[in-house]
Amino acid sequence: MVQIERLTPRDAETALPALAELLKDAVDGGASVSFLPPLPLEEAARFWRQALQAMAEGQRVVLVARLEGAVVGVVTLDLARVPNGAHRAEVQKLLVHSRARGRGIGERLMRAVEEAALEAGRTLLVLDTCRGYTAERLYRRLGWVEAGVIPNFALEPNGYCDTVIFYKQLAAPSPRA
């Protein structure tokens, strides 16, 4: 059974190798998530060290999916840190290991990240993905709204992809204090 949990700073060091492997698996499998294949494991680990540091500083939420105890999925929520953005956050790095796909893990992670956003007082979420990717269909199915498309936004091994920007209003924003 798949378990979704919020990573804590105490869990970070233990989870780091699995997160690095997960990122490597995604990038080497063709995901457009800021890196190009082949992704060295140390570069993936360096990314996660920085992300986990941001989590420890309260700037990011990291949710992992575990199957039989092993990390098989992740999604992060980057909390806006500007005074006029206290109501918003960006969903980043939704990854499901290739051996665990097709089980609804991505959907469960997305639902959990929306809950985590509300718990953090974030009512507006944004994210992006390459046009035509499986994730694009998932986001649409979960009620995300397309804000626009940026052509040739992300470099991929065989050229560029057009990036679709999505948003989701989770709740009405609180009135200004």
C-alpha atoms as a PDB file:
ATOM      1  CA  MET A   1       0.000   0.000   0.000  1.00  0.00           C
ATOM      2  CA  VAL A   2       1.231   3.487  -0.875  1.00  0.00           C
ATOM      3  CA  GLN A   3       1.789   5.917   1.994  1.00  0.00           C
ATOM      4  CA  ILE A   4       2.122   9.679   1.452  1.00  0.00           C
ATOM      5  CA  GLU A   5       4.100  11.503   4.114  1.00  0.00           C
ATOM      6  CA  ARG A   6       5.547  14.906   4.731  1.00  0.00           C
ATOM      7  CA  LEU A   7       9.310  14.785   5.020  1.00  0.00           C
ATOM      8  CA  THR A   8      10.802  16.403   8.111  1.00  0.00           C
ATOM      9  CA  PRO A   9      14.317  17.788   8.516  1.00  0.00           C
ATOM     10  CA  ARG A  10      15.049  14.794  10.752  1.00  0.00           C
ATOM     11  CA  ASP A  11      14.126  12.387   7.907  1.00  0.00           C
ATOM     12  CA  ALA A  12      16.006  14.337   5.232  1.00  0.00           C
ATOM     13  CA  GLU A  13      19.413  12.674   5.419  1.00  0.00           C
ATOM     14  CA  THR A  14      17.893   9.193   5.352  1.00  0.00           C
ATOM     15  CA  ALA A  15      15.684  10.039   2.353  1.00  0.00           C
ATOM     16  CA  LEU A  16      18.422  11.796   0.333  1.00  0.00           C
ATOM     17  CA  PRO A  17      19.779   8.731  -1.553  1.00  0.00           C
ATOM     18  CA  ALA A  18      16.272   7.612  -2.575  1.00  0.00           C
ATOM     19  CA  LEU A  19      15.336  11.132  -3.702  1.00  0.00           C
ATOM     20  CA  ALA A  20      18.510  11.392  -5.774  1.00  0.00           C
ATOM     21  CA  GLU A  21      17.790   8.017  -7.402  1.00  0.00           C
ATOM     22  CA  LEU A  22      14.210   9.075  -8.073  1.00  0.00           C
ATOM     23  CA  LEU A  23      15.333  12.286  -9.811  1.00  0.00           C
ATOM     24  CA  LYS A  24      17.934  10.389 -11.844  1.00  0.00           C
ATOM     25  CA  ASP A  25      15.338   7.799 -12.884  1.00  0.00           C
ATOM     26  CA  ALA A  26      12.930  10.538 -14.001  1.00  0.00           C
ATOM     27  CA  VAL A  27      15.489  12.590 -15.927  1.00  0.00           C
ATOM     28  CA  ASP A  28      17.163   9.601 -17.557  1.00  0.00           C
ATOM     29  CA  GLY A  29      13.671   8.370 -18.488  1.00  0.00           C
ATOM     30  CA  GLY A  30      12.882  11.579 -20.371  1.00  0.00           C
ATOM     31  CA  ALA A  31      11.214  13.856 -17.809  1.00  0.00           C
ATOM     32  CA  SER A  32      11.813  17.556 -18.344  1.00  0.00           C
ATOM     33  CA  VAL A  33      12.420  18.633 -14.746  1.00  0.00           C
ATOM     34  CA  SER A  34      15.286  21.133 -15.028  1.00  0.00           C
ATOM     35  CA  PHE A  35      18.019  18.608 -15.874  1.00  0.00           C
ATOM     36  CA  LEU A  36      19.249  16.827 -18.999  1.00  0.00           C
ATOM     37  CA  PRO A  37      20.146  13.129 -19.255  1.00  0.00           C
ATOM     38  CA  PRO A  38      22.259  11.389 -18.350  1.00  0.00           C
ATOM     39  CA  LEU A  39      21.989  12.860 -14.866  1.00  0.00           C
ATOM     40  CA  PRO A  40      24.914  12.028 -12.577  1.00  0.00           C
ATOM     41  CA  LEU A  41      23.670  10.758  -9.228  1.00  0.00           C
ATOM     42  CA  GLU A  42      25.830  13.314  -7.381  1.00  0.00           C
ATOM     43  CA  GLU A  43      24.183  16.182  -9.286  1.00  0.00           C
ATOM     44  CA  ALA A  44      20.770  14.811  -8.340  1.00  0.00           C
ATOM     45  CA  ALA A  45      21.892  14.543  -4.709  1.00  0.00           C
ATOM     46  CA  ARG A  46      23.201  18.125  -4.802  1.00  0.00           C
ATOM     47  CA  PHE A  47      19.784  19.349  -5.971  1.00  0.00           C
ATOM     48  CA  TRP A  48      18.040  17.480  -3.156  1.00  0.00           C
ATOM     49  CA  ARG A  49      20.476  18.737  -0.521  1.00  0.00           C
ATOM     50  CA  GLN A  50      19.527  22.295  -1.500  1.00  0.00           C
ATOM     51  CA  ALA A  51      15.809  21.487  -1.610  1.00  0.00           C
ATOM     52  CA  LEU A  52      15.961  19.777   1.776  1.00  0.00           C
ATOM     53  CA  GLN A  53      17.837  22.764   3.221  1.00  0.00           C
ATOM     54  CA  ALA A  54      15.041  25.028   1.957  1.00  0.00           C
ATOM     55  CA  MET A  55      12.578  22.639   3.618  1.00  0.00           C
ATOM     56  CA  ALA A  56      14.487  22.875   6.911  1.00  0.00           C
ATOM     57  CA  GLU A  57      14.304  26.678   6.620  1.00  0.00           C
ATOM     58  CA  GLY A  58      10.518  26.559   6.156  1.00  0.00           C
ATOM     59  CA  GLN A  59      10.619  27.643   2.509  1.00  0.00           C
ATOM     60  CA  ARG A  60       9.572  24.335   0.956  1.00  0.00           C
ATOM     61  CA  VAL A  61       7.348  21.367   1.705  1.00  0.00           C
ATOM     62  CA  VAL A  62       8.510  17.938   0.527  1.00  0.00           C
ATOM     63  CA  LEU A  63       6.022  15.070   0.311  1.00  0.00           C
ATOM     64  CA  VAL A  64       7.116  11.536  -0.480  1.00  0.00           C
ATOM     65  CA  ALA A  65       5.209   8.438  -1.536  1.00  0.00           C
ATOM     66  CA  ARG A  66       6.414   5.171  -0.041  1.00  0.00           C
ATOM     67  CA  LEU A  67       5.596   1.706  -1.298  1.00  0.00           C
ATOM     68  CA  GLU A  68       6.600  -1.060   1.098  1.00  0.00           C
ATOM     69  CA  GLY A  69       8.801   1.506   2.858  1.00  0.00           C
ATOM     70  CA  ALA A  70      10.719   2.573  -0.249  1.00  0.00           C
ATOM     71  CA  VAL A  71      10.445   6.112  -1.632  1.00  0.00           C
ATOM     72  CA  VAL A  72       8.782   5.822  -5.056  1.00  0.00           C
ATOM     73  CA  GLY A  73       7.448   9.332  -5.522  1.00  0.00           C
ATOM     74  CA  VAL A  74       7.901  12.938  -4.486  1.00  0.00           C
ATOM     75  CA  VAL A  75       6.412  16.386  -4.973  1.00  0.00           C
ATOM     76  CA  THR A  76       7.593  19.697  -3.552  1.00  0.00           C
ATOM     77  CA  LEU A  77       5.822  22.921  -2.745  1.00  0.00           C
ATOM     78  CA  ASP A  78       7.964  26.044  -2.981  1.00  0.00           C
ATOM     79  CA  LEU A  79       6.396  28.667  -0.726  1.00  0.00           C
ATOM     80  CA  ALA A  80       6.509  32.199  -2.106  1.00  0.00           C
ATOM     81  CA  ARG A  81       8.686  34.334   0.157  1.00  0.00           C
ATOM     82  CA  VAL A  82       7.733  37.811  -1.015  1.00  0.00           C
ATOM     83  CA  PRO A  83       5.362  40.071   0.914  1.00  0.00           C
ATOM     84  CA  ASN A  84       2.736  40.137  -1.833  1.00  0.00           C
ATOM     85  CA  GLY A  85       2.882  36.360  -2.357  1.00  0.00           C
ATOM     86  CA  ALA A  86       2.021  34.963   1.061  1.00  0.00           C
ATOM     87  CA  HIS A  87      -1.066  33.335  -0.451  1.00  0.00           C
ATOM     88  CA  ARG A  88       0.670  31.404  -3.252  1.00  0.00           C
ATOM     89  CA  ALA A  89       3.136  28.590  -3.866  1.00  0.00           C
ATOM     90  CA  GLU A  90       4.641  26.674  -6.779  1.00  0.00           C
ATOM     91  CA  VAL A  91       4.317  22.915  -7.167  1.00  0.00           C
ATOM     92  CA  GLN A  92       7.612  21.449  -8.360  1.00  0.00           C
ATOM     93  CA  LYS A  93       9.262  18.104  -9.025  1.00  0.00           C
ATOM     94  CA  LEU A  94       6.294  15.751  -9.168  1.00  0.00           C
ATOM     95  CA  LEU A  95       8.192  12.512  -9.772  1.00  0.00           C
ATOM     96  CA  VAL A  96       7.121   8.876  -9.670  1.00  0.00           C
ATOM     97  CA  HIS A  97       9.740   6.154 -10.125  1.00  0.00           C
ATOM     98  CA  SER A  98       9.372   4.250 -13.398  1.00  0.00           C
ATOM     99  CA  ARG A  99       8.848   0.970 -11.535  1.00  0.00           C
ATOM    100  CA  ALA A 100       5.867   2.416  -9.617  1.00  0.00           C
ATOM    101  CA  ARG A 101       3.944   4.261 -12.333  1.00  0.00           C
ATOM    102  CA  GLY A 102       0.357   3.465 -13.220  1.00  0.00           C
ATOM    103  CA  ARG A 103      -0.780   3.088  -9.595  1.00  0.00           C
ATOM    104  CA  GLY A 104      -2.254   6.554  -9.044  1.00  0.00           C
ATOM    105  CA  ILE A 105       0.737   7.750  -7.033  1.00  0.00           C
ATOM    106  CA  GLY A 106       1.070  11.025  -8.961  1.00  0.00           C
ATOM    107  CA  GLU A 107      -2.577  11.840  -8.340  1.00  0.00           C
ATOM    108  CA  ARG A 108      -2.269  11.029  -4.635  1.00  0.00           C
ATOM    109  CA  LEU A 109       0.823  13.234  -4.360  1.00  0.00           C
ATOM    110  CA  MET A 110      -0.982  16.109  -6.099  1.00  0.00           C
ATOM    111  CA  ARG A 111      -3.980  15.853  -3.796  1.00  0.00           C
ATOM    112  CA  ALA A 112      -1.641  15.761  -0.788  1.00  0.00           C
ATOM    113  CA  VAL A 113       0.338  18.794  -1.968  1.00  0.00           C
ATOM    114  CA  GLU A 114      -2.903  20.753  -2.342  1.00  0.00           C
ATOM    115  CA  GLU A 115      -3.810  19.862   1.262  1.00  0.00           C
ATOM    116  CA  ALA A 116      -0.322  20.849   2.435  1.00  0.00           C
ATOM    117  CA  ALA A 117      -0.680  24.172   0.621  1.00  0.00           C
ATOM    118  CA  LEU A 118      -3.928  24.949   2.414  1.00  0.00           C
ATOM    119  CA  GLU A 119      -2.338  24.002   5.742  1.00  0.00           C
ATOM    120  CA  ALA A 120       0.427  26.512   4.954  1.00  0.00           C
ATOM    121  CA  GLY A 121      -2.153  29.211   4.162  1.00  0.00           C
ATOM    122  CA  ARG A 122      -1.526  29.037   0.407  1.00  0.00           C
ATOM    123  CA  THR A 123      -4.675  29.326  -1.667  1.00  0.00           C
ATOM    124  CA  LEU A 124      -3.207  29.788  -5.161  1.00  0.00           C
ATOM    125  CA  LEU A 125      -0.864  27.250  -6.736  1.00  0.00           C
ATOM    126  CA  VAL A 126       1.068  27.362 -10.006  1.00  0.00           C
ATOM    127  CA  LEU A 127       3.084  24.781 -11.903  1.00  0.00           C
ATOM    128  CA  ASP A 128       4.360  24.038 -15.381  1.00  0.00           C
ATOM    129  CA  THR A 129       4.978  21.032 -17.603  1.00  0.00           C
ATOM    130  CA  CYS A 130       5.959  20.330 -21.174  1.00  0.00           C
ATOM    131  CA  ARG A 131       3.061  20.201 -23.590  1.00  0.00           C
ATOM    132  CA  GLY A 132       2.050  16.640 -24.405  1.00  0.00           C
ATOM    133  CA  TYR A 133       3.568  15.067 -21.294  1.00  0.00           C
ATOM    134  CA  THR A 134       1.510  12.642 -19.195  1.00  0.00           C
ATOM    135  CA  ALA A 135       1.576  15.176 -16.353  1.00  0.00           C
ATOM    136  CA  GLU A 136      -0.369  17.658 -18.498  1.00  0.00           C
ATOM    137  CA  ARG A 137      -3.322  15.245 -18.670  1.00  0.00           C
ATOM    138  CA  LEU A 138      -3.100  14.601 -14.923  1.00  0.00           C
ATOM    139  CA  TYR A 139      -3.204  18.301 -14.064  1.00  0.00           C
ATOM    140  CA  ARG A 140      -6.187  18.927 -16.330  1.00  0.00           C
ATOM    141  CA  ARG A 141      -8.043  15.947 -14.840  1.00  0.00           C
ATOM    142  CA  LEU A 142      -7.410  17.330 -11.334  1.00  0.00           C
ATOM    143  CA  GLY A 143      -8.955  20.686 -12.206  1.00  0.00           C
ATOM    144  CA  TRP A 144      -5.876  22.762 -12.934  1.00  0.00           C
ATOM    145  CA  VAL A 145      -6.453  25.646 -15.340  1.00  0.00           C
ATOM    146  CA  GLU A 146      -4.145  26.443 -18.238  1.00  0.00           C
ATOM    147  CA  ALA A 147      -2.853  30.003 -17.988  1.00  0.00           C
ATOM    148  CA  GLY A 148      -0.835  29.887 -21.202  1.00  0.00           C
ATOM    149  CA  VAL A 149       1.922  28.275 -23.217  1.00  0.00           C
ATOM    150  CA  ILE A 150       5.498  29.449 -23.601  1.00  0.00           C
ATOM    151  CA  PRO A 151       7.018  28.089 -26.829  1.00  0.00           C
ATOM    152  CA  ASN A 152      10.489  26.538 -26.790  1.00  0.00           C
ATOM    153  CA  PHE A 153      10.796  27.045 -23.039  1.00  0.00           C
ATOM    154  CA  ALA A 154      12.748  23.975 -21.954  1.00  0.00           C
ATOM    155  CA  LEU A 155      15.702  22.340 -23.647  1.00  0.00           C
ATOM    156  CA  GLU A 156      15.377  18.594 -24.085  1.00  0.00           C
ATOM    157  CA  PRO A 157      17.781  16.053 -25.608  1.00  0.00           C
ATOM    158  CA  ASN A 158      16.018  16.263 -28.993  1.00  0.00           C
ATOM    159  CA  GLY A 159      15.137  19.958 -29.085  1.00  0.00           C
ATOM    160  CA  TYR A 160      12.814  22.165 -27.099  1.00  0.00           C
ATOM    161  CA  CYS A 161       9.414  21.694 -25.546  1.00  0.00           C
ATOM    162  CA  ASP A 162       6.608  24.174 -25.237  1.00  0.00           C
ATOM    163  CA  THR A 163       5.751  24.659 -21.571  1.00  0.00           C
ATOM    164  CA  VAL A 164       2.179  24.861 -20.335  1.00  0.00           C
ATOM    165  CA  ILE A 165       1.656  27.048 -17.258  1.00  0.00           C
ATOM    166  CA  PHE A 166      -1.182  25.960 -14.962  1.00  0.00           C
ATOM    167  CA  TYR A 167      -2.780  27.403 -11.852  1.00  0.00           C
ATOM    168  CA  LYS A 168      -5.305  26.221  -9.328  1.00  0.00           C
ATOM    169  CA  GLN A 169      -7.249  28.402  -6.901  1.00  0.00           C
ATOM    170  CA  LEU A 170      -7.760  26.195  -3.842  1.00  0.00           C
ATOM    171  CA  ALA A 171      -9.813  28.694  -1.865  1.00  0.00           C
ATOM    172  CA  ALA A 172     -10.646  32.366  -1.865  1.00  0.00           C
ATOM    173  CA  PRO A 173      -7.689  34.367  -0.552  1.00  0.00           C
ATOM    174  CA  SER A 174      -8.015  35.917   2.883  1.00  0.00           C
ATOM    175  CA  PRO A 175      -8.681  39.642   2.972  1.00  0.00           C
ATOM    176  CA  ARG A 176      -5.593  41.794   3.441  1.00  0.00           C
ATOM    177  CA  ALA A 177      -4.739  42.454   7.026  1.00  0.00           C
END
